[in-house]
Amino acid sequence: MTVPRPTVAVSGAGGFIGQHVVATLRSHGHRVVAIERTGEPARDRVVDDLSDPNALAACLVEAGVAALVHAAWTGHPRSAGNDYAGQLRDSLVPTTNVALAAGLAGVRSVVLISSGGGITAIRQRTSAPPAYGWAKAVAEGIFEAHAEMFDYALTTIRPTAVYGPGQRPERGLGAVSVFADAMLRDEPIRVLGPDSATRDYLHVSDLTRAVQAAITNEVHGAFDLGGPRPVSIKELISLLETATGLGARVEHLPASGFDPDSVELDNTPFHDLTGWTPEADLEHSIGEVIAWLRTDRSSAGPQQG
């Protein structure tokens, strides 16, 4: 007997990560209700600016949503800088409304997509935390409080350096896409800080498999998720040169002060509970990002998360 998959709502469904989450969940047999801030309503598509928790809760109830993935967010470490007010207004208030709406709607479980890099920046800070990391840490606390008050299960996933096709370099997030785009445009790659800094780059398909695993296995708690191995900025540029057949012009600039020096996360706790492990190595998957930039990006419209 086949057990029916729960109906899952995905906030930020129009963004880079959200689009991939929606596609993965649907491929696994879930009915997915995509929540986007702009556009036109459609079947299994809710247009909501995340400003009214009661209105959003009503939509969730009407759609029969049992689980929710929160992927909506505005900004990244460098764009946020020290703009605490902007992160509060544009990301934390909407996040609070989603957390409350999930409770009011009687949603049984929530997967929060947080940030491995953002939380690492909090752990490594020597002064006031960067606004992005601060906001991500506060978002986790907001969902934890609502999960306790409304008795829904919460899984917090903290991915690091997510990359893949569909990540728009003009948003300034994602070294893989930003650097590849600069090379294809014959523009310099701007490296902020030492090129020895490392990230364990995580392919978006591995992230979405983790979301699916969390829902399927009913795994609850907070989990760091990194890629197969740490890769330095210097190695990343070398891989891009090989994949594009182009030479990189590199400009070295001072560190932003908002990004952690290095991010290498431990997947063991999540792997032990679900069997999940990252599969896409950067060296072998970087080509699809370049192919997407070359063939699809020029005709695609702007994303809204």
C-alpha atoms as a PDB file:
ATOM      1  CA  MET A   1       0.000   0.000   0.000  1.00  0.00           C
ATOM      2  CA  THR A   2       1.391   3.383  -1.022  1.00  0.00           C
ATOM      3  CA  VAL A   3       1.392   6.001   1.754  1.00  0.00           C
ATOM      4  CA  PRO A   4       0.158   9.373   0.427  1.00  0.00           C
ATOM      5  CA  ARG A   5       2.759  12.104   0.428  1.00  0.00           C
ATOM      6  CA  PRO A   6       1.836  15.194   2.480  1.00  0.00           C
ATOM      7  CA  THR A   7       0.951  18.423   0.720  1.00  0.00           C
ATOM      8  CA  VAL A   8       3.893  20.804   1.171  1.00  0.00           C
ATOM      9  CA  ALA A   9       3.902  24.599   0.907  1.00  0.00           C
ATOM     10  CA  VAL A  10       7.175  26.283  -0.126  1.00  0.00           C
ATOM     11  CA  SER A  11       7.702  29.963   0.659  1.00  0.00           C
ATOM     12  CA  GLY A  12      10.162  31.722  -1.632  1.00  0.00           C
ATOM     13  CA  ALA A  13       9.177  29.278  -4.364  1.00  0.00           C
ATOM     14  CA  GLY A  14      10.163  31.735  -7.097  1.00  0.00           C
ATOM     15  CA  GLY A  15      13.763  32.031  -5.881  1.00  0.00           C
ATOM     16  CA  PHE A  16      16.793  29.974  -6.826  1.00  0.00           C
ATOM     17  CA  ILE A  17      16.593  27.468  -3.968  1.00  0.00           C
ATOM     18  CA  GLY A  18      12.801  27.541  -3.796  1.00  0.00           C
ATOM     19  CA  GLN A  19      12.372  26.593  -7.449  1.00  0.00           C
ATOM     20  CA  HIS A  20      14.613  23.565  -7.015  1.00  0.00           C
ATOM     21  CA  VAL A  21      12.860  22.530  -3.788  1.00  0.00           C
ATOM     22  CA  VAL A  22       9.481  22.661  -5.538  1.00  0.00           C
ATOM     23  CA  ALA A  23      10.753  20.558  -8.466  1.00  0.00           C
ATOM     24  CA  THR A  24      12.336  17.929  -6.198  1.00  0.00           C
ATOM     25  CA  LEU A  25       9.286  17.553  -3.953  1.00  0.00           C
ATOM     26  CA  ARG A  26       6.969  17.224  -6.937  1.00  0.00           C
ATOM     27  CA  SER A  27       9.248  14.608  -8.477  1.00  0.00           C
ATOM     28  CA  HIS A  28       8.860  12.606  -5.249  1.00  0.00           C
ATOM     29  CA  GLY A  29       5.073  12.656  -5.465  1.00  0.00           C
ATOM     30  CA  HIS A  30       4.224  15.568  -3.193  1.00  0.00           C
ATOM     31  CA  ARG A  31       1.545  18.041  -4.068  1.00  0.00           C
ATOM     32  CA  VAL A  32       3.357  21.370  -3.676  1.00  0.00           C
ATOM     33  CA  VAL A  33       1.778  24.752  -3.025  1.00  0.00           C
ATOM     34  CA  ALA A  34       4.230  27.386  -4.228  1.00  0.00           C
ATOM     35  CA  ILE A  35       4.145  30.648  -2.259  1.00  0.00           C
ATOM     36  CA  GLU A  36       5.552  33.635  -4.149  1.00  0.00           C
ATOM     37  CA  ARG A  37       5.504  37.331  -3.344  1.00  0.00           C
ATOM     38  CA  THR A  38       4.648  38.535  -6.853  1.00  0.00           C
ATOM     39  CA  GLY A  39       2.910  37.237  -9.964  1.00  0.00           C
ATOM     40  CA  GLU A  40      -0.513  35.822 -10.682  1.00  0.00           C
ATOM     41  CA  PRO A  41      -2.293  33.192  -8.574  1.00  0.00           C
ATOM     42  CA  ALA A  42      -2.751  29.794 -10.182  1.00  0.00           C
ATOM     43  CA  ARG A  43      -3.527  26.237  -9.227  1.00  0.00           C
ATOM     44  CA  ASP A  44      -1.128  25.256  -6.439  1.00  0.00           C
ATOM     45  CA  ARG A  45       0.387  28.744  -6.562  1.00  0.00           C
ATOM     46  CA  VAL A  46      -0.319  31.343  -3.877  1.00  0.00           C
ATOM     47  CA  VAL A  47       0.719  34.955  -4.323  1.00  0.00           C
ATOM     48  CA  ASP A  48       1.322  36.443  -0.888  1.00  0.00           C
ATOM     49  CA  ASP A  49       3.716  39.141   0.307  1.00  0.00           C
ATOM     50  CA  LEU A  50       4.045  37.458   3.725  1.00  0.00           C
ATOM     51  CA  SER A  51       2.706  40.524   5.518  1.00  0.00           C
ATOM     52  CA  ASP A  52      -0.486  39.032   7.013  1.00  0.00           C
ATOM     53  CA  PRO A  53      -0.167  35.753   8.946  1.00  0.00           C
ATOM     54  CA  ASN A  54      -3.928  35.298   9.189  1.00  0.00           C
ATOM     55  CA  ALA A  55      -4.412  35.587   5.428  1.00  0.00           C
ATOM     56  CA  LEU A  56      -1.523  33.206   4.756  1.00  0.00           C
ATOM     57  CA  ALA A  57      -2.852  30.732   7.330  1.00  0.00           C
ATOM     58  CA  ALA A  58      -6.226  30.741   5.579  1.00  0.00           C
ATOM     59  CA  CYS A  59      -4.510  29.897   2.287  1.00  0.00           C
ATOM     60  CA  LEU A  60      -2.605  27.026   3.920  1.00  0.00           C
ATOM     61  CA  VAL A  61      -5.777  25.611   5.449  1.00  0.00           C
ATOM     62  CA  GLU A  62      -7.692  25.880   2.164  1.00  0.00           C
ATOM     63  CA  ALA A  63      -4.868  24.044   0.339  1.00  0.00           C
ATOM     64  CA  GLY A  64      -4.693  21.275   2.935  1.00  0.00           C
ATOM     65  CA  VAL A  65      -1.017  21.931   3.671  1.00  0.00           C
ATOM     66  CA  ALA A  66       0.550  19.511   6.158  1.00  0.00           C
ATOM     67  CA  ALA A  67       4.211  20.589   5.871  1.00  0.00           C
ATOM     68  CA  LEU A  68       5.950  23.838   4.991  1.00  0.00           C
ATOM     69  CA  VAL A  69       9.420  24.673   3.707  1.00  0.00           C
ATOM     70  CA  HIS A  70      10.516  28.245   4.412  1.00  0.00           C
ATOM     71  CA  ALA A  71      13.017  29.375   1.775  1.00  0.00           C
ATOM     72  CA  ALA A  72      11.983  33.032   1.397  1.00  0.00           C
ATOM     73  CA  TRP A  73      14.741  35.526   2.213  1.00  0.00           C
ATOM     74  CA  THR A  74      16.042  38.872   1.003  1.00  0.00           C
ATOM     75  CA  GLY A  75      19.733  39.720   0.778  1.00  0.00           C
ATOM     76  CA  HIS A  76      23.029  37.977   1.474  1.00  0.00           C
ATOM     77  CA  PRO A  77      26.101  38.701   3.648  1.00  0.00           C
ATOM     78  CA  ARG A  78      27.577  41.475   1.515  1.00  0.00           C
ATOM     79  CA  SER A  79      24.314  43.139   0.478  1.00  0.00           C
ATOM     80  CA  ALA A  80      23.099  43.076   4.080  1.00  0.00           C
ATOM     81  CA  GLY A  81      26.360  44.374   5.562  1.00  0.00           C
ATOM     82  CA  ASN A  82      25.414  46.069   8.822  1.00  0.00           C
ATOM     83  CA  ASP A  83      21.871  46.885   7.689  1.00  0.00           C
ATOM     84  CA  TYR A  84      20.068  45.294  10.621  1.00  0.00           C
ATOM     85  CA  ALA A  85      16.925  47.321   9.934  1.00  0.00           C
ATOM     86  CA  GLY A  86      16.764  46.071   6.346  1.00  0.00           C
ATOM     87  CA  GLN A  87      17.131  42.434   7.389  1.00  0.00           C
ATOM     88  CA  LEU A  88      14.503  42.935  10.091  1.00  0.00           C
ATOM     89  CA  ARG A  89      12.043  44.583   7.712  1.00  0.00           C
ATOM     90  CA  ASP A  90      12.594  42.487   4.592  1.00  0.00           C
ATOM     91  CA  SER A  91      13.341  39.048   6.028  1.00  0.00           C
ATOM     92  CA  LEU A  92      12.646  38.678   9.741  1.00  0.00           C
ATOM     93  CA  VAL A  93       9.172  40.188   9.792  1.00  0.00           C
ATOM     94  CA  PRO A  94       8.045  37.998   6.851  1.00  0.00           C
ATOM     95  CA  THR A  95       9.707  35.005   8.544  1.00  0.00           C
ATOM     96  CA  THR A  96       7.791  35.685  11.747  1.00  0.00           C
ATOM     97  CA  ASN A  97       4.555  35.882   9.759  1.00  0.00           C
ATOM     98  CA  VAL A  98       5.262  32.529   8.083  1.00  0.00           C
ATOM     99  CA  ALA A  99       6.137  30.872  11.409  1.00  0.00           C
ATOM    100  CA  LEU A 100       2.900  32.183  12.929  1.00  0.00           C
ATOM    101  CA  ALA A 101       0.807  31.281   9.880  1.00  0.00           C
ATOM    102  CA  ALA A 102       2.103  27.702  10.024  1.00  0.00           C
ATOM    103  CA  GLY A 103       0.956  27.471  13.631  1.00  0.00           C
ATOM    104  CA  LEU A 104      -2.431  29.054  13.019  1.00  0.00           C
ATOM    105  CA  ALA A 105      -3.019  26.705  10.071  1.00  0.00           C
ATOM    106  CA  GLY A 106      -2.193  23.593  12.075  1.00  0.00           C
ATOM    107  CA  VAL A 107       0.776  22.644   9.883  1.00  0.00           C
ATOM    108  CA  ARG A 108       2.389  19.512  11.327  1.00  0.00           C
ATOM    109  CA  SER A 109       6.017  20.099  10.333  1.00  0.00           C
ATOM    110  CA  VAL A 110       8.269  22.863   9.034  1.00  0.00           C
ATOM    111  CA  VAL A 111      11.664  22.790   7.334  1.00  0.00           C
ATOM    112  CA  LEU A 112      13.543  26.069   7.740  1.00  0.00           C
ATOM    113  CA  ILE A 113      16.366  26.689   5.283  1.00  0.00           C
ATOM    114  CA  SER A 114      18.850  28.756   7.250  1.00  0.00           C
ATOM    115  CA  SER A 115      22.511  29.432   6.398  1.00  0.00           C
ATOM    116  CA  GLY A 116      25.644  27.496   7.289  1.00  0.00           C
ATOM    117  CA  GLY A 117      27.824  30.449   6.335  1.00  0.00           C
ATOM    118  CA  GLY A 118      25.646  32.926   8.208  1.00  0.00           C
ATOM    119  CA  ILE A 119      25.669  30.888  11.400  1.00  0.00           C
ATOM    120  CA  THR A 120      29.427  30.247  11.034  1.00  0.00           C
ATOM    121  CA  ALA A 121      29.960  34.019  10.832  1.00  0.00           C
ATOM    122  CA  ILE A 122      28.161  34.310  14.168  1.00  0.00           C
ATOM    123  CA  ARG A 123      30.353  31.595  15.668  1.00  0.00           C
ATOM    124  CA  GLN A 124      33.544  33.258  14.382  1.00  0.00           C
ATOM    125  CA  ARG A 125      32.659  36.851  15.228  1.00  0.00           C
ATOM    126  CA  THR A 126      34.970  38.982  17.312  1.00  0.00           C
ATOM    127  CA  SER A 127      32.668  42.022  17.422  1.00  0.00           C
ATOM    128  CA  ALA A 128      29.056  42.817  16.554  1.00  0.00           C
ATOM    129  CA  PRO A 129      27.623  40.103  14.287  1.00  0.00           C
ATOM    130  CA  PRO A 130      27.074  40.825  10.581  1.00  0.00           C
ATOM    131  CA  ALA A 131      23.441  41.661   9.851  1.00  0.00           C
ATOM    132  CA  TYR A 132      22.865  38.612   7.645  1.00  0.00           C
ATOM    133  CA  GLY A 133      24.190  36.095  10.166  1.00  0.00           C
ATOM    134  CA  TRP A 134      22.396  37.893  12.972  1.00  0.00           C
ATOM    135  CA  ALA A 135      19.116  37.692  11.063  1.00  0.00           C
ATOM    136  CA  LYS A 136      19.548  34.002  10.241  1.00  0.00           C
ATOM    137  CA  ALA A 137      20.234  33.182  13.891  1.00  0.00           C
ATOM    138  CA  VAL A 138      17.207  35.210  14.980  1.00  0.00           C
ATOM    139  CA  ALA A 139      15.053  33.480  12.333  1.00  0.00           C
ATOM    140  CA  GLU A 140      15.986  30.118  13.832  1.00  0.00           C
ATOM    141  CA  GLY A 141      14.923  31.360  17.256  1.00  0.00           C
ATOM    142  CA  ILE A 142      11.639  32.682  15.867  1.00  0.00           C
ATOM    143  CA  PHE A 143      10.746  29.311  14.367  1.00  0.00           C
ATOM    144  CA  GLU A 144      11.864  27.427  17.485  1.00  0.00           C
ATOM    145  CA  ALA A 145       9.561  29.578  19.645  1.00  0.00           C
ATOM    146  CA  HIS A 146       6.578  29.098  17.320  1.00  0.00           C
ATOM    147  CA  ALA A 147       7.215  25.362  16.966  1.00  0.00           C
ATOM    148  CA  GLU A 148       7.060  25.045  20.740  1.00  0.00           C
ATOM    149  CA  MET A 149       3.973  27.237  21.144  1.00  0.00           C
ATOM    150  CA  PHE A 150       1.990  25.637  18.299  1.00  0.00           C
ATOM    151  CA  ASP A 151       3.422  22.144  18.678  1.00  0.00           C
ATOM    152  CA  TYR A 152       4.710  21.593  15.166  1.00  0.00           C
ATOM    153  CA  ALA A 153       7.904  19.703  14.369  1.00  0.00           C
ATOM    154  CA  LEU A 154      10.818  21.825  13.162  1.00  0.00           C
ATOM    155  CA  THR A 155      13.845  20.891  11.054  1.00  0.00           C
ATOM    156  CA  THR A 156      16.453  23.605  10.545  1.00  0.00           C
ATOM    157  CA  ILE A 157      18.875  23.029   7.671  1.00  0.00           C
ATOM    158  CA  ARG A 158      22.025  25.166   7.462  1.00  0.00           C
ATOM    159  CA  PRO A 159      23.551  24.736   3.996  1.00  0.00           C
ATOM    160  CA  THR A 160      26.832  26.274   2.955  1.00  0.00           C
ATOM    161  CA  ALA A 161      27.754  27.932  -0.354  1.00  0.00           C
ATOM    162  CA  VAL A 162      24.851  26.590  -2.417  1.00  0.00           C
ATOM    163  CA  TYR A 163      25.381  26.651  -6.179  1.00  0.00           C
ATOM    164  CA  GLY A 164      23.789  25.275  -9.324  1.00  0.00           C
ATOM    165  CA  PRO A 165      21.995  26.204 -12.549  1.00  0.00           C
ATOM    166  CA  GLY A 166      19.515  29.033 -12.124  1.00  0.00           C
ATOM    167  CA  GLN A 167      21.554  31.001  -9.578  1.00  0.00           C
ATOM    168  CA  ARG A 168      21.599  34.555 -10.888  1.00  0.00           C
ATOM    169  CA  PRO A 169      24.992  36.279 -10.619  1.00  0.00           C
ATOM    170  CA  GLU A 170      23.481  39.761 -10.757  1.00  0.00           C
ATOM    171  CA  ARG A 171      22.184  39.185  -7.232  1.00  0.00           C
ATOM    172  CA  GLY A 172      25.811  38.990  -6.065  1.00  0.00           C
ATOM    173  CA  LEU A 173      25.405  35.719  -4.181  1.00  0.00           C
ATOM    174  CA  GLY A 174      27.276  32.529  -5.068  1.00  0.00           C
ATOM    175  CA  ALA A 175      30.962  32.623  -5.933  1.00  0.00           C
ATOM    176  CA  VAL A 176      30.561  29.861  -8.531  1.00  0.00           C
ATOM    177  CA  SER A 177      27.961  31.773 -10.556  1.00  0.00           C
ATOM    178  CA  VAL A 178      29.445  35.229  -9.975  1.00  0.00           C
ATOM    179  CA  PHE A 179      32.979  34.195 -10.937  1.00  0.00           C
ATOM    180  CA  ALA A 180      31.832  32.143 -13.943  1.00  0.00           C
ATOM    181  CA  ASP A 181      29.703  35.017 -15.206  1.00  0.00           C
ATOM    182  CA  ALA A 182      32.605  37.460 -14.888  1.00  0.00           C
ATOM    183  CA  MET A 183      34.847  35.161 -16.933  1.00  0.00           C
ATOM    184  CA  LEU A 184      32.204  34.672 -19.637  1.00  0.00           C
ATOM    185  CA  ARG A 185      31.816  38.457 -19.856  1.00  0.00           C
ATOM    186  CA  ASP A 186      35.604  38.941 -19.954  1.00  0.00           C
ATOM    187  CA  GLU A 187      35.425  40.912 -16.736  1.00  0.00           C
ATOM    188  CA  PRO A 188      37.755  40.597 -13.756  1.00  0.00           C
ATOM    189  CA  ILE A 189      36.967  38.260 -10.881  1.00  0.00           C
ATOM    190  CA  ARG A 190      36.990  40.271  -7.676  1.00  0.00           C
ATOM    191  CA  VAL A 191      38.263  38.224  -4.755  1.00  0.00           C
ATOM    192  CA  LEU A 192      37.509  39.734  -1.362  1.00  0.00           C
ATOM    193  CA  GLY A 193      40.186  38.606   1.049  1.00  0.00           C
ATOM    194  CA  PRO A 194      42.688  35.755   0.631  1.00  0.00           C
ATOM    195  CA  ASP A 195      42.155  33.226  -2.156  1.00  0.00           C
ATOM    196  CA  SER A 196      43.086  30.503   0.333  1.00  0.00           C
ATOM    197  CA  ALA A 197      39.659  30.861   1.990  1.00  0.00           C
ATOM    198  CA  THR A 198      37.645  27.651   1.634  1.00  0.00           C
ATOM    199  CA  ARG A 199      34.000  26.646   1.274  1.00  0.00           C
ATOM    200  CA  ASP A 200      32.497  23.163   1.069  1.00  0.00           C
ATOM    201  CA  TYR A 201      30.292  24.060  -1.900  1.00  0.00           C
ATOM    202  CA  LEU A 202      26.902  22.331  -1.843  1.00  0.00           C
ATOM    203  CA  HIS A 203      25.025  21.676  -5.086  1.00  0.00           C
ATOM    204  CA  VAL A 204      21.394  22.776  -4.959  1.00  0.00           C
ATOM    205  CA  SER A 205      20.258  19.271  -5.936  1.00  0.00           C
ATOM    206  CA  ASP A 206      21.971  17.875  -2.830  1.00  0.00           C
ATOM    207  CA  LEU A 207      20.264  20.520  -0.700  1.00  0.00           C
ATOM    208  CA  THR A 208      16.826  19.691  -2.099  1.00  0.00           C
ATOM    209  CA  ARG A 209      17.442  15.978  -1.527  1.00  0.00           C
ATOM    210  CA  ALA A 210      18.178  16.857   2.092  1.00  0.00           C
ATOM    211  CA  VAL A 211      14.880  18.744   2.368  1.00  0.00           C
ATOM    212  CA  GLN A 212      13.064  15.733   0.943  1.00  0.00           C
ATOM    213  CA  ALA A 213      14.927  13.419   3.335  1.00  0.00           C
ATOM    214  CA  ALA A 214      13.974  15.573   6.313  1.00  0.00           C
ATOM    215  CA  ILE A 215      10.287  15.427   5.365  1.00  0.00           C
ATOM    216  CA  THR A 216      10.258  11.728   4.493  1.00  0.00           C
ATOM    217  CA  ASN A 217      12.203  10.587   7.565  1.00  0.00           C
ATOM    218  CA  GLU A 218      10.522  13.076   9.910  1.00  0.00           C
ATOM    219  CA  VAL A 219      13.907  14.214  11.160  1.00  0.00           C
ATOM    220  CA  HIS A 220      13.730  17.150  13.543  1.00  0.00           C
ATOM    221  CA  GLY A 221      16.426  19.412  14.958  1.00  0.00           C
ATOM    222  CA  ALA A 222      19.118  21.706  13.536  1.00  0.00           C
ATOM    223  CA  PHE A 223      21.671  20.361  11.053  1.00  0.00           C
ATOM    224  CA  ASP A 224      24.703  21.777   9.239  1.00  0.00           C
ATOM    225  CA  LEU A 225      24.998  20.663   5.601  1.00  0.00           C
ATOM    226  CA  GLY A 226      28.167  21.017   3.562  1.00  0.00           C
ATOM    227  CA  GLY A 227      29.441  19.705   0.266  1.00  0.00           C
ATOM    228  CA  PRO A 228      31.759  16.742  -0.347  1.00  0.00           C
ATOM    229  CA  ARG A 229      35.016  18.585   0.332  1.00  0.00           C
ATOM    230  CA  PRO A 230      36.452  22.040   1.038  1.00  0.00           C
ATOM    231  CA  VAL A 231      37.539  24.013  -2.036  1.00  0.00           C
ATOM    232  CA  SER A 232      39.643  27.173  -1.880  1.00  0.00           C
ATOM    233  CA  ILE A 233      38.857  30.271  -3.911  1.00  0.00           C
ATOM    234  CA  LYS A 234      42.089  29.683  -5.803  1.00  0.00           C
ATOM    235  CA  GLU A 235      41.045  26.138  -6.739  1.00  0.00           C
ATOM    236  CA  LEU A 236      37.553  27.317  -7.709  1.00  0.00           C
ATOM    237  CA  ILE A 237      39.043  29.793 -10.176  1.00  0.00           C
ATOM    238  CA  SER A 238      41.290  27.080 -11.607  1.00  0.00           C
ATOM    239  CA  LEU A 239      38.283  24.764 -12.067  1.00  0.00           C
ATOM    240  CA  LEU A 240      36.418  27.558 -13.860  1.00  0.00           C
ATOM    241  CA  GLU A 241      39.360  28.166 -16.179  1.00  0.00           C
ATOM    242  CA  THR A 242      39.429  24.491 -17.099  1.00  0.00           C
ATOM    243  CA  ALA A 243      35.660  24.260 -17.591  1.00  0.00           C
ATOM    244  CA  THR A 244      35.350  27.445 -19.666  1.00  0.00           C
ATOM    245  CA  GLY A 245      38.644  27.245 -21.540  1.00  0.00           C
ATOM    246  CA  LEU A 246      39.199  30.876 -20.572  1.00  0.00           C
ATOM    247  CA  GLY A 247      41.842  32.621 -18.518  1.00  0.00           C
ATOM    248  CA  ALA A 248      40.717  34.474 -15.405  1.00  0.00           C
ATOM    249  CA  ARG A 249      41.709  38.040 -14.608  1.00  0.00           C
ATOM    250  CA  VAL A 250      41.717  38.306 -10.831  1.00  0.00           C
ATOM    251  CA  GLU A 251      41.530  41.464  -8.723  1.00  0.00           C
ATOM    252  CA  HIS A 252      42.394  40.997  -5.063  1.00  0.00           C
ATOM    253  CA  LEU A 253      40.470  43.309  -2.739  1.00  0.00           C
ATOM    254  CA  PRO A 254      40.242  43.602   1.055  1.00  0.00           C
ATOM    255  CA  ALA A 255      37.945  41.163   2.837  1.00  0.00           C
ATOM    256  CA  SER A 256      34.327  42.270   3.166  1.00  0.00           C
ATOM    257  CA  GLY A 257      34.282  41.763   6.916  1.00  0.00           C
ATOM    258  CA  PHE A 258      30.885  40.087   6.602  1.00  0.00           C
ATOM    259  CA  ASP A 259      31.881  36.682   5.226  1.00  0.00           C
ATOM    260  CA  PRO A 260      33.494  34.023   7.438  1.00  0.00           C
ATOM    261  CA  ASP A 261      37.096  33.159   6.571  1.00  0.00           C
ATOM    262  CA  SER A 262      36.309  29.524   5.841  1.00  0.00           C
ATOM    263  CA  VAL A 263      33.253  27.307   6.099  1.00  0.00           C
ATOM    264  CA  GLU A 264      33.564  23.533   6.476  1.00  0.00           C
ATOM    265  CA  LEU A 265      30.486  21.885   7.943  1.00  0.00           C
ATOM    266  CA  ASP A 266      29.960  18.463   9.485  1.00  0.00           C
ATOM    267  CA  ASN A 267      27.249  16.408   7.756  1.00  0.00           C
ATOM    268  CA  THR A 268      27.551  13.449  10.122  1.00  0.00           C
ATOM    269  CA  PRO A 269      24.490  14.089  12.353  1.00  0.00           C
ATOM    270  CA  PHE A 270      22.134  14.456   9.391  1.00  0.00           C
ATOM    271  CA  HIS A 271      23.715  11.529   7.542  1.00  0.00           C
ATOM    272  CA  ASP A 272      23.365   9.251  10.576  1.00  0.00           C
ATOM    273  CA  LEU A 273      19.620   9.963  10.770  1.00  0.00           C
ATOM    274  CA  THR A 274      18.723   9.931   7.069  1.00  0.00           C
ATOM    275  CA  GLY A 275      21.550   8.318   5.102  1.00  0.00           C
ATOM    276  CA  TRP A 276      21.880  11.551   3.102  1.00  0.00           C
ATOM    277  CA  THR A 277      25.303  12.451   1.756  1.00  0.00           C
ATOM    278  CA  PRO A 278      26.308  15.109  -0.805  1.00  0.00           C
ATOM    279  CA  GLU A 279      26.862  13.603  -4.238  1.00  0.00           C
ATOM    280  CA  ALA A 280      27.777  16.472  -6.580  1.00  0.00           C
ATOM    281  CA  ASP A 281      31.486  17.323  -6.533  1.00  0.00           C
ATOM    282  CA  LEU A 282      32.226  20.855  -7.689  1.00  0.00           C
ATOM    283  CA  GLU A 283      34.772  19.720 -10.265  1.00  0.00           C
ATOM    284  CA  HIS A 284      32.236  17.535 -12.065  1.00  0.00           C
ATOM    285  CA  SER A 285      29.150  19.759 -11.739  1.00  0.00           C
ATOM    286  CA  ILE A 286      30.546  23.212 -12.428  1.00  0.00           C
ATOM    287  CA  GLY A 287      29.988  22.724 -16.159  1.00  0.00           C
ATOM    288  CA  GLU A 288      26.204  22.777 -15.836  1.00  0.00           C
ATOM    289  CA  VAL A 289      26.365  26.199 -14.185  1.00  0.00           C
ATOM    290  CA  ILE A 290      28.466  27.506 -17.062  1.00  0.00           C
ATOM    291  CA  ALA A 291      26.111  25.916 -19.598  1.00  0.00           C
ATOM    292  CA  TRP A 292      23.117  27.567 -17.938  1.00  0.00           C
ATOM    293  CA  LEU A 293      24.817  30.958 -17.935  1.00  0.00           C
ATOM    294  CA  ARG A 294      25.681  30.584 -21.613  1.00  0.00           C
ATOM    295  CA  THR A 295      22.315  29.354 -22.901  1.00  0.00           C
ATOM    296  CA  ASP A 296      19.457  30.230 -20.575  1.00  0.00           C
ATOM    297  CA  ARG A 297      20.307  33.244 -18.485  1.00  0.00           C
ATOM    298  CA  SER A 298      19.950  35.897 -21.191  1.00  0.00           C
ATOM    299  CA  SER A 299      16.304  34.975 -21.810  1.00  0.00           C
ATOM    300  CA  ALA A 300      15.258  34.466 -18.185  1.00  0.00           C
ATOM    301  CA  GLY A 301      13.422  37.128 -16.191  1.00  0.00           C
ATOM    302  CA  PRO A 302      14.366  38.372 -12.731  1.00  0.00           C
ATOM    303  CA  GLN A 303      13.691  36.093  -9.778  1.00  0.00           C
ATOM    304  CA  GLN A 304      11.584  36.939  -6.788  1.00  0.00           C
ATOM    305  CA  GLY A 305      12.055  34.955  -3.589  1.00  0.00           C
END
